[in-house]
Amino acid sequence: MTDASEDTHRAVAAMQLIFYGRDPSADRASILVTLEHVVAGSLLAVMSGNYKNAAVMLNEGLIPGVEARLALSASRKPKP
């Protein structure tokens, strides 16, 4: 299995744990709160507990990466 494929499997497993039987539409707020916890904790872990560096990584690394993934997904969606 390639690194990209393994990463996709980890992402899907993480989403399943975050959703944990909740409805994505009806339970949107609580799912996003859980996601915030995961992101904040993960950033602090990879930045060795440095809050300033975690905030920089969020703004300069994570947000642009998420935006790029959303744009790629939108570009692959069939046009009506």
N, C-alpha and C. Protein backbone atom coordinates (compact mmCIF):
# COMPACT_ATOMS: atom_id res chain seq x y z
N MET A 1 0.86 -1.18 0.00
CA MET A 1 0.00 0.00 0.00
C MET A 1 0.90 1.24 0.00
N THR A 2 0.56 2.22 -0.81
CA THR A 2 1.36 3.44 -0.90
C THR A 2 1.14 4.32 0.33
N ASP A 3 2.03 5.26 0.54
CA ASP A 3 1.89 6.19 1.66
C ASP A 3 0.59 6.98 1.55
N ALA A 4 0.26 7.42 0.33
CA ALA A 4 -0.98 8.18 0.14
C ALA A 4 -2.20 7.34 0.46
N SER A 5 -2.18 6.09 0.06
CA SER A 5 -3.29 5.19 0.33
C SER A 5 -3.42 4.92 1.84
N GLU A 6 -2.30 4.71 2.49
CA GLU A 6 -2.32 4.51 3.95
C GLU A 6 -2.85 5.75 4.65
N ASP A 7 -2.44 6.93 4.18
CA ASP A 7 -2.92 8.17 4.77
C ASP A 7 -4.42 8.32 4.60
N THR A 8 -4.94 7.93 3.43
CA THR A 8 -6.39 7.98 3.20
C THR A 8 -7.11 7.05 4.16
N HIS A 9 -6.58 5.86 4.38
CA HIS A 9 -7.20 4.92 5.32
C HIS A 9 -7.19 5.48 6.75
N ARG A 10 -6.09 6.11 7.15
CA ARG A 10 -6.03 6.74 8.48
C ARG A 10 -7.05 7.87 8.59
N ALA A 11 -7.20 8.67 7.53
CA ALA A 11 -8.14 9.78 7.55
C ALA A 11 -9.58 9.27 7.68
N VAL A 12 -9.91 8.23 6.93
CA VAL A 12 -11.27 7.67 7.00
C VAL A 12 -11.53 7.09 8.39
N ALA A 13 -10.55 6.39 8.95
CA ALA A 13 -10.70 5.83 10.31
C ALA A 13 -10.90 6.95 11.33
N ALA A 14 -10.16 8.04 11.18
CA ALA A 14 -10.29 9.18 12.11
C ALA A 14 -11.67 9.82 11.98
N MET A 15 -12.16 9.96 10.74
CA MET A 15 -13.50 10.53 10.54
C MET A 15 -14.57 9.65 11.19
N GLN A 16 -14.42 8.34 11.04
CA GLN A 16 -15.39 7.43 11.65
C GLN A 16 -15.41 7.60 13.16
N LEU A 17 -14.25 7.75 13.78
CA LEU A 17 -14.19 7.96 15.23
C LEU A 17 -14.77 9.31 15.62
N ILE A 18 -14.48 10.34 14.84
CA ILE A 18 -15.00 11.67 15.16
C ILE A 18 -16.51 11.71 15.00
N PHE A 19 -17.04 11.10 13.94
CA PHE A 19 -18.49 11.08 13.74
C PHE A 19 -19.17 10.17 14.76
N TYR A 20 -18.63 8.99 15.00
CA TYR A 20 -19.08 8.02 16.01
C TYR A 20 -20.59 7.93 16.12
N GLY A 21 -21.23 7.60 14.99
CA GLY A 21 -22.68 7.38 14.99
C GLY A 21 -23.51 8.65 14.92
N ARG A 22 -22.86 9.80 14.86
CA ARG A 22 -23.61 11.06 14.76
C ARG A 22 -23.93 11.35 13.30
N ASP A 23 -25.03 12.03 13.08
CA ASP A 23 -25.45 12.41 11.74
C ASP A 23 -24.70 13.67 11.32
N PRO A 24 -24.01 13.64 10.16
CA PRO A 24 -23.22 14.80 9.74
C PRO A 24 -24.02 16.10 9.62
N SER A 25 -25.28 16.01 9.24
CA SER A 25 -26.09 17.23 9.11
C SER A 25 -26.71 17.64 10.43
N ALA A 26 -27.36 16.71 11.09
CA ALA A 26 -28.08 17.03 12.33
C ALA A 26 -27.13 17.33 13.49
N ASP A 27 -25.97 16.70 13.50
CA ASP A 27 -25.04 16.84 14.62
C ASP A 27 -23.79 17.62 14.23
N ARG A 28 -23.92 18.49 13.24
CA ARG A 28 -22.78 19.23 12.70
C ARG A 28 -21.99 19.95 13.79
N ALA A 29 -22.66 20.66 14.66
CA ALA A 29 -21.98 21.46 15.68
C ALA A 29 -21.12 20.60 16.60
N SER A 30 -21.67 19.51 17.09
CA SER A 30 -20.90 18.67 18.01
C SER A 30 -19.75 17.96 17.30
N ILE A 31 -19.95 17.61 16.04
CA ILE A 31 -18.87 16.99 15.27
C ILE A 31 -17.73 17.99 15.08
N LEU A 32 -18.06 19.23 14.77
CA LEU A 32 -17.02 20.25 14.58
C LEU A 32 -16.29 20.59 15.86
N VAL A 33 -16.98 20.54 17.00
CA VAL A 33 -16.30 20.75 18.29
C VAL A 33 -15.29 19.64 18.52
N THR A 34 -15.68 18.40 18.24
CA THR A 34 -14.74 17.28 18.38
C THR A 34 -13.56 17.46 17.44
N LEU A 35 -13.82 17.88 16.21
CA LEU A 35 -12.75 18.11 15.24
C LEU A 35 -11.80 19.20 15.74
N GLU A 36 -12.34 20.27 16.32
CA GLU A 36 -11.49 21.33 16.89
C GLU A 36 -10.56 20.76 17.95
N HIS A 37 -11.08 19.91 18.81
CA HIS A 37 -10.26 19.28 19.86
C HIS A 37 -9.13 18.48 19.23
N VAL A 38 -9.46 17.70 18.22
CA VAL A 38 -8.47 16.85 17.56
C VAL A 38 -7.38 17.70 16.90
N VAL A 39 -7.79 18.74 16.19
CA VAL A 39 -6.83 19.59 15.50
C VAL A 39 -5.93 20.31 16.50
N ALA A 40 -6.52 20.91 17.51
CA ALA A 40 -5.71 21.63 18.51
C ALA A 40 -4.74 20.69 19.21
N GLY A 41 -5.22 19.54 19.63
CA GLY A 41 -4.34 18.58 20.30
C GLY A 41 -3.25 18.05 19.39
N SER A 42 -3.58 17.80 18.14
CA SER A 42 -2.59 17.30 17.19
C SER A 42 -1.52 18.35 16.89
N LEU A 43 -1.95 19.60 16.71
CA LEU A 43 -0.98 20.67 16.46
C LEU A 43 -0.04 20.84 17.64
N LEU A 44 -0.57 20.81 18.84
CA LEU A 44 0.29 20.93 20.02
C LEU A 44 1.25 19.75 20.13
N ALA A 45 0.78 18.57 19.78
CA ALA A 45 1.64 17.39 19.86
C ALA A 45 2.80 17.48 18.87
N VAL A 46 2.49 17.82 17.61
CA VAL A 46 3.56 17.86 16.61
C VAL A 46 4.47 19.07 16.78
N MET A 47 4.00 20.09 17.48
CA MET A 47 4.84 21.26 17.74
C MET A 47 5.41 21.24 19.16
N SER A 48 5.46 20.06 19.75
CA SER A 48 6.08 19.84 21.07
C SER A 48 5.52 20.76 22.16
N GLY A 49 4.22 21.01 22.10
CA GLY A 49 3.57 21.80 23.14
C GLY A 49 3.76 23.30 23.02
N ASN A 50 4.38 23.75 21.94
CA ASN A 50 4.62 25.18 21.75
C ASN A 50 3.36 25.80 21.12
N TYR A 51 2.64 26.58 21.93
CA TYR A 51 1.37 27.14 21.48
C TYR A 51 1.53 28.10 20.31
N LYS A 52 2.56 28.92 20.35
CA LYS A 52 2.80 29.89 19.28
C LYS A 52 3.08 29.17 17.97
N ASN A 53 3.96 28.18 18.00
CA ASN A 53 4.28 27.43 16.79
C ASN A 53 3.07 26.65 16.28
N ALA A 54 2.24 26.16 17.20
CA ALA A 54 1.03 25.44 16.80
C ALA A 54 0.08 26.38 16.05
N ALA A 55 -0.05 27.61 16.53
CA ALA A 55 -0.91 28.59 15.86
C ALA A 55 -0.35 28.96 14.49
N VAL A 56 0.96 29.10 14.39
CA VAL A 56 1.59 29.40 13.10
C VAL A 56 1.35 28.25 12.13
N MET A 57 1.53 27.01 12.61
CA MET A 57 1.33 25.85 11.75
C MET A 57 -0.13 25.77 11.28
N LEU A 58 -1.06 26.11 12.15
CA LEU A 58 -2.47 26.12 11.76
C LEU A 58 -2.70 27.12 10.62
N ASN A 59 -2.21 28.34 10.80
CA ASN A 59 -2.48 29.41 9.84
C ASN A 59 -1.68 29.30 8.56
N GLU A 60 -0.44 28.85 8.65
CA GLU A 60 0.43 28.85 7.48
C GLU A 60 0.56 27.47 6.82
N GLY A 61 0.16 26.43 7.52
CA GLY A 61 0.31 25.09 6.96
C GLY A 61 -1.00 24.35 6.79
N LEU A 62 -1.74 24.24 7.90
CA LEU A 62 -2.94 23.42 7.87
C LEU A 62 -4.08 24.05 7.07
N ILE A 63 -4.38 25.30 7.31
CA ILE A 63 -5.50 25.94 6.61
C ILE A 63 -5.28 25.96 5.10
N PRO A 64 -4.10 26.38 4.61
CA PRO A 64 -3.89 26.33 3.15
C PRO A 64 -4.00 24.90 2.60
N GLY A 65 -3.54 23.92 3.36
CA GLY A 65 -3.64 22.54 2.91
C GLY A 65 -5.07 22.06 2.81
N VAL A 66 -5.88 22.42 3.80
CA VAL A 66 -7.30 22.05 3.78
C VAL A 66 -8.00 22.74 2.62
N GLU A 67 -7.70 24.02 2.41
CA GLU A 67 -8.31 24.75 1.29
C GLU A 67 -7.93 24.10 -0.04
N ALA A 68 -6.69 23.67 -0.18
CA ALA A 68 -6.25 23.02 -1.42
C ALA A 68 -6.98 21.70 -1.63
N ARG A 69 -7.17 20.92 -0.57
CA ARG A 69 -7.90 19.66 -0.69
C ARG A 69 -9.36 19.89 -1.08
N LEU A 70 -9.98 20.92 -0.52
CA LEU A 70 -11.36 21.24 -0.87
C LEU A 70 -11.46 21.67 -2.34
N ALA A 71 -10.51 22.47 -2.79
CA ALA A 71 -10.51 22.91 -4.19
C ALA A 71 -10.31 21.73 -5.13
N LEU A 72 -9.41 20.82 -4.77
CA LEU A 72 -9.18 19.65 -5.61
C LEU A 72 -10.44 18.79 -5.67
N SER A 73 -11.08 18.59 -4.54
CA SER A 73 -12.31 17.80 -4.51
C SER A 73 -13.39 18.46 -5.35
N ALA A 74 -13.52 19.77 -5.25
CA ALA A 74 -14.53 20.49 -6.05
C ALA A 74 -14.23 20.38 -7.54
N SER A 75 -12.95 20.40 -7.89
CA SER A 75 -12.59 20.33 -9.32
C SER A 75 -12.88 18.95 -9.91
N ARG A 76 -12.93 17.94 -9.07
CA ARG A 76 -13.19 16.58 -9.55
C ARG A 76 -14.66 16.25 -9.58
N LYS A 77 -15.49 17.09 -8.97
CA LYS A 77 -16.92 16.84 -8.93
C LYS A 77 -17.52 17.08 -10.31
N PRO A 78 -18.33 16.12 -10.78
CA PRO A 78 -18.94 16.30 -12.11
C PRO A 78 -19.82 17.55 -12.15
N LYS A 79 -19.74 18.27 -13.25
CA LYS A 79 -20.55 19.46 -13.43
C LYS A 79 -21.95 19.06 -13.88
N PRO A 80 -22.98 19.76 -13.38
CA PRO A 80 -24.36 19.40 -13.76
C PRO A 80 -24.68 19.72 -15.20
